Structures are given as C-alpha cells and as structure tokens.
C-alpha cells in the first residue's frame, strides 16, 4: 500500500544575472522567492470554480476575472512591457496584495530605460518528486549610460482583458547595468509531490 502524501509544495526561485558589454558576469543574485501574489491563486480558483474573482490590475483597478484561456500568459514579445518579466527600482517589501512593481523601468533607449527582449519559457522537466519549468527575459542597456538602482523584479501576466502581477521580489542589494550590458531575470516554478 502506498503511503498517504502529507503535502504538495509549490515553490518559486529567482536568478538575476548582469553582464557587461563583453558578456562578463558582474552581478548575480539568486534564491527562493516568497512572492506569489493573491492574483495567482485567484486565477486558479476562477478556473477551478468556472466563475470569477475580483483581482486588481497593474493600474490598481479592481477587475472581475473569469476562466479565460489566456490567463497567466507571460510570453511577451520584444519591447512589450504590459506583461512578461519586468524590473524596477522599488524597495517596498513584498506583500501578497502587491498588484504592480513599485517603480518599473520602461522600454526604450532613454535615461533609465531598458530594451526588453522576448520572454522565453522552457518545457516542464519531471525529475521525481519534482516538476519544474523556467521563464526568463533578457533586457539590454542601450541608453549610453549606466542604469542603476534596480531592486525589484517580477512578472506581469494576462488576466482576461487586463494585466496583473503574478509575483514580485525585492533584491538584497541594488543592481546596475552598464551601457552595452544586459540583465537576465529567470524564475523557476516548481511543484514537489
């Protein structure tokens, strides 16, 4: 007889790597994330119940979100910042009710902007007792100067006709991206039986 499972755990990990224009690593921070927002379970619950839940979008507006097939999509294309992995300069501690990055960095080549590349996703990997996949995005600094003070990372997702924050983390220390350099943010989502 197979023993009864005591619990199933879902975990989230992040890795932030900054490279200079020659591709040399100059900053790395990685660790467990504790940042799923309420959006995550509310969308899963809406699908399970085939109903709706009220969820704040990235503009702070309450939206009635149901079981839309595009929910939780984060595969944003080049230059798209309405959803996908984002970075910012906010330092407010993470809270389950977070609905947006505090101070997001915008798309572009102007002061304190980054060129956001396409969000990438790996296929799920099963290595008992775990099943995991990765989502990552590279952002280039084409501004002519250093983009400094990056402290927050997160991922915006589609929720019906709007966008919401699925997870957010605040780094232990600020990261800076030199001109010509890049930042890669990777999240690993894992379920352990």
Protein backbone atom coordinates (compact mmCIF):
# COMPACT_ATOMS: atom_id res chain seq x y z
CA UNK A 1 0.00 0.00 0.00
CA UNK A 2 1.33 3.41 -1.00
CA UNK A 3 1.75 5.86 1.91
CA UNK A 4 -0.55 8.87 2.01
CA UNK A 5 1.12 12.06 0.85
CA UNK A 6 1.47 14.58 3.62
CA UNK A 7 1.66 17.63 1.39
CA UNK A 8 2.36 19.03 -2.05
CA UNK A 9 4.57 22.10 -2.25
CA UNK A 10 4.75 24.76 -4.91
CA UNK A 11 7.90 26.85 -4.93
CA UNK A 12 9.35 29.73 -6.88
CA UNK A 13 13.03 30.64 -7.29
CA UNK A 14 14.70 33.59 -8.98
CA UNK A 15 18.08 34.30 -10.51
CA UNK A 16 19.30 37.72 -11.65
CA UNK A 17 22.49 37.97 -13.71
CA UNK A 18 24.06 41.18 -15.06
CA UNK A 19 26.74 41.06 -17.73
CA UNK A 20 28.88 43.81 -19.21
CA UNK A 21 29.15 44.55 -22.95
CA UNK A 22 31.77 41.78 -23.31
CA UNK A 23 29.40 39.27 -21.72
CA UNK A 24 31.34 39.00 -18.44
CA UNK A 25 29.20 38.41 -15.36
CA UNK A 26 29.38 41.37 -12.97
CA UNK A 27 26.37 40.73 -10.70
CA UNK A 28 24.43 37.66 -9.59
CA UNK A 29 21.70 37.15 -7.03
CA UNK A 30 19.60 34.05 -6.67
CA UNK A 31 17.38 32.49 -4.08
CA UNK A 32 13.93 31.35 -3.11
CA UNK A 33 11.10 33.70 -3.90
CA UNK A 34 8.34 34.30 -1.38
CA UNK A 35 6.33 36.47 -3.66
CA UNK A 36 3.32 34.84 -5.28
CA UNK A 37 0.62 37.48 -5.17
CA UNK A 38 -3.05 36.83 -4.46
CA UNK A 39 -3.65 37.01 -8.24
CA UNK A 40 -2.04 33.59 -8.69
CA UNK A 41 -4.49 31.61 -6.57
CA UNK A 42 -7.48 33.77 -7.51
CA UNK A 43 -6.99 32.95 -11.20
CA UNK A 44 -6.51 29.24 -10.50
CA UNK A 45 -9.60 29.36 -8.28
CA UNK A 46 -11.63 31.07 -11.03
CA UNK A 47 -10.72 28.24 -13.40
CA UNK A 48 -11.46 25.52 -10.84
CA UNK A 49 -14.87 27.02 -9.96
CA UNK A 50 -15.65 28.15 -13.52
CA UNK A 51 -16.56 31.52 -12.08
CA UNK A 52 -14.98 34.94 -11.46
CA UNK A 53 -12.86 36.63 -8.81
CA UNK A 54 -12.06 40.30 -8.26
CA UNK A 55 -8.37 40.98 -8.96
CA UNK A 56 -6.51 44.30 -9.13
CA UNK A 57 -4.85 45.03 -12.46
CA UNK A 58 -1.42 46.69 -12.75
CA UNK A 59 -3.13 50.09 -12.69
CA UNK A 60 -4.75 49.36 -9.33
CA UNK A 61 -8.27 48.90 -10.75
CA UNK A 62 -10.40 46.00 -9.48
CA UNK A 63 -11.41 43.70 -12.34
CA UNK A 64 -13.79 40.75 -12.49
CA UNK A 65 -11.61 37.97 -13.90
CA UNK A 66 -13.03 34.65 -15.03
CA UNK A 67 -11.75 31.46 -16.63
CA UNK A 68 -10.15 32.92 -19.77
CA UNK A 69 -7.88 30.67 -21.81
CA UNK A 70 -5.16 33.35 -21.92
CA UNK A 71 -4.94 33.74 -18.14
CA UNK A 72 -1.43 33.60 -16.65
CA UNK A 73 0.17 34.09 -20.09
CA UNK A 74 3.53 35.83 -19.76
CA UNK A 75 5.15 35.20 -23.16
CA UNK A 76 5.56 38.87 -24.11
CA UNK A 77 7.38 39.79 -27.30
CA UNK A 78 10.26 42.18 -27.90
CA UNK A 79 9.56 45.63 -26.48
CA UNK A 80 6.31 44.59 -24.76
CA UNK A 81 6.13 45.58 -21.10
CA UNK A 82 2.39 45.30 -20.40
CA UNK A 83 3.09 41.68 -19.46
CA UNK A 84 6.11 39.41 -19.04
CA UNK A 85 9.10 39.72 -16.74
CA UNK A 86 9.80 43.30 -15.61
CA UNK A 87 12.36 45.03 -13.38
CA UNK A 88 12.17 48.23 -11.38
CA UNK A 89 13.68 50.45 -8.72
CA UNK A 90 11.15 49.99 -5.92
CA UNK A 91 12.28 48.91 -2.46
CA UNK A 92 8.99 48.36 -0.61
CA UNK A 93 8.93 44.86 0.92
CA UNK A 94 6.89 42.23 -0.91
CA UNK A 95 3.26 41.81 0.14
CA UNK A 96 0.69 39.28 -1.08
CA UNK A 97 -1.58 42.17 -2.11
CA UNK A 98 1.04 43.68 -4.48
CA UNK A 99 -0.50 44.40 -7.88
CA UNK A 100 2.36 46.10 -9.77
CA UNK A 101 6.04 46.85 -9.50
CA UNK A 102 6.55 49.94 -7.36
CA UNK A 103 8.81 51.76 -9.84
CA UNK A 104 9.00 49.79 -13.11
CA UNK A 105 11.68 50.51 -15.71
CA UNK A 106 10.16 51.36 -19.08
CA UNK A 107 11.04 50.13 -22.56
CA UNK A 108 13.46 52.21 -24.62
CA UNK A 109 16.95 53.62 -25.00
CA UNK A 110 16.45 56.78 -22.94
CA UNK A 111 17.67 57.50 -19.41
CA UNK A 112 16.78 54.66 -17.01
CA UNK A 113 15.15 52.55 -19.73
CA UNK A 114 15.91 49.05 -21.00
CA UNK A 115 15.36 47.19 -24.26
CA UNK A 116 13.16 44.23 -23.29
CA UNK A 117 13.66 41.06 -25.31
CA UNK A 118 11.12 38.29 -25.87
CA UNK A 119 10.15 36.29 -22.77
CA UNK A 120 11.31 32.68 -23.02
CA UNK A 121 9.84 29.56 -21.40
CA UNK A 122 11.32 26.09 -21.02
CA UNK A 123 9.39 22.85 -21.28
CA UNK A 124 8.44 21.27 -17.94
CA UNK A 125 11.06 18.88 -16.58
CA UNK A 126 9.99 15.95 -14.41
CA UNK A 127 12.62 14.65 -12.00
CA UNK A 128 10.71 12.84 -9.27
CA UNK A 129 9.45 14.12 -6.94
CA UNK A 130 9.68 17.50 -8.76
CA UNK A 131 8.20 19.02 -11.89
CA UNK A 132 9.59 22.43 -12.86
CA UNK A 133 9.96 24.92 -15.68
CA UNK A 134 11.75 28.21 -16.21
CA UNK A 135 10.64 31.59 -17.55
CA UNK A 136 13.25 34.24 -18.35
CA UNK A 137 13.86 37.54 -20.07
CA UNK A 138 16.95 39.45 -21.17
CA UNK A 139 16.95 43.25 -21.01
CA UNK A 140 19.71 45.29 -22.72
CA UNK A 141 21.01 48.71 -21.73
CA UNK A 142 21.23 50.79 -24.92
CA UNK A 143 20.98 54.16 -23.14
CA UNK A 144 24.57 55.38 -23.43
CA UNK A 145 24.93 55.41 -19.63
CA UNK A 146 24.52 53.10 -16.64
CA UNK A 147 21.06 52.05 -15.47
CA UNK A 148 21.50 51.75 -11.71
CA UNK A 149 19.42 51.09 -8.62
CA UNK A 150 17.48 48.08 -9.89
CA UNK A 151 15.97 46.47 -6.79
CA UNK A 152 12.72 44.77 -7.79
CA UNK A 153 11.83 42.03 -10.24
CA UNK A 154 8.53 40.45 -11.11
CA UNK A 155 6.25 39.02 -13.73
CA UNK A 156 3.10 40.56 -15.17
CA UNK A 157 0.57 38.16 -16.70
CA UNK A 158 -2.56 38.37 -18.77
CA UNK A 159 -5.82 38.10 -16.81
CA UNK A 160 -8.75 38.30 -19.17
CA UNK A 161 -8.59 41.65 -20.98
CA UNK A 162 -6.16 43.15 -18.44
CA UNK A 163 -2.72 42.61 -16.93
CA UNK A 164 -1.83 41.69 -13.37
CA UNK A 165 1.20 40.97 -11.19
CA UNK A 166 1.76 37.26 -10.54
CA UNK A 167 4.93 37.56 -8.48
CA UNK A 168 7.39 40.21 -7.27
CA UNK A 169 10.69 40.15 -5.41
CA UNK A 170 12.95 42.81 -3.92
CA UNK A 171 16.66 42.12 -4.30
CA UNK A 172 19.01 42.17 -1.30
CA UNK A 173 21.04 44.94 -2.93
CA UNK A 174 20.83 47.20 -5.97
CA UNK A 175 21.98 46.03 -9.39
CA UNK A 176 23.44 48.27 -12.10
CA UNK A 177 23.63 47.55 -15.82
CA UNK A 178 26.48 49.29 -17.66
CA UNK A 179 25.94 50.69 -21.15
CA UNK A 180 26.04 47.77 -23.60
CA UNK A 181 25.37 45.29 -20.81
CA UNK A 182 22.35 43.15 -20.07
CA UNK A 183 20.29 41.79 -17.21
CA UNK A 184 18.72 38.34 -17.35
CA UNK A 185 15.95 37.54 -14.88
CA UNK A 186 14.94 33.88 -14.57
CA UNK A 187 12.11 32.46 -12.49
CA UNK A 188 11.85 28.70 -11.83
CA UNK A 189 8.38 27.42 -10.91
CA UNK A 190 8.41 24.02 -9.21
CA UNK A 191 5.89 21.60 -7.76
CA UNK A 192 7.13 18.86 -5.41
CA UNK A 193 4.98 15.84 -4.56
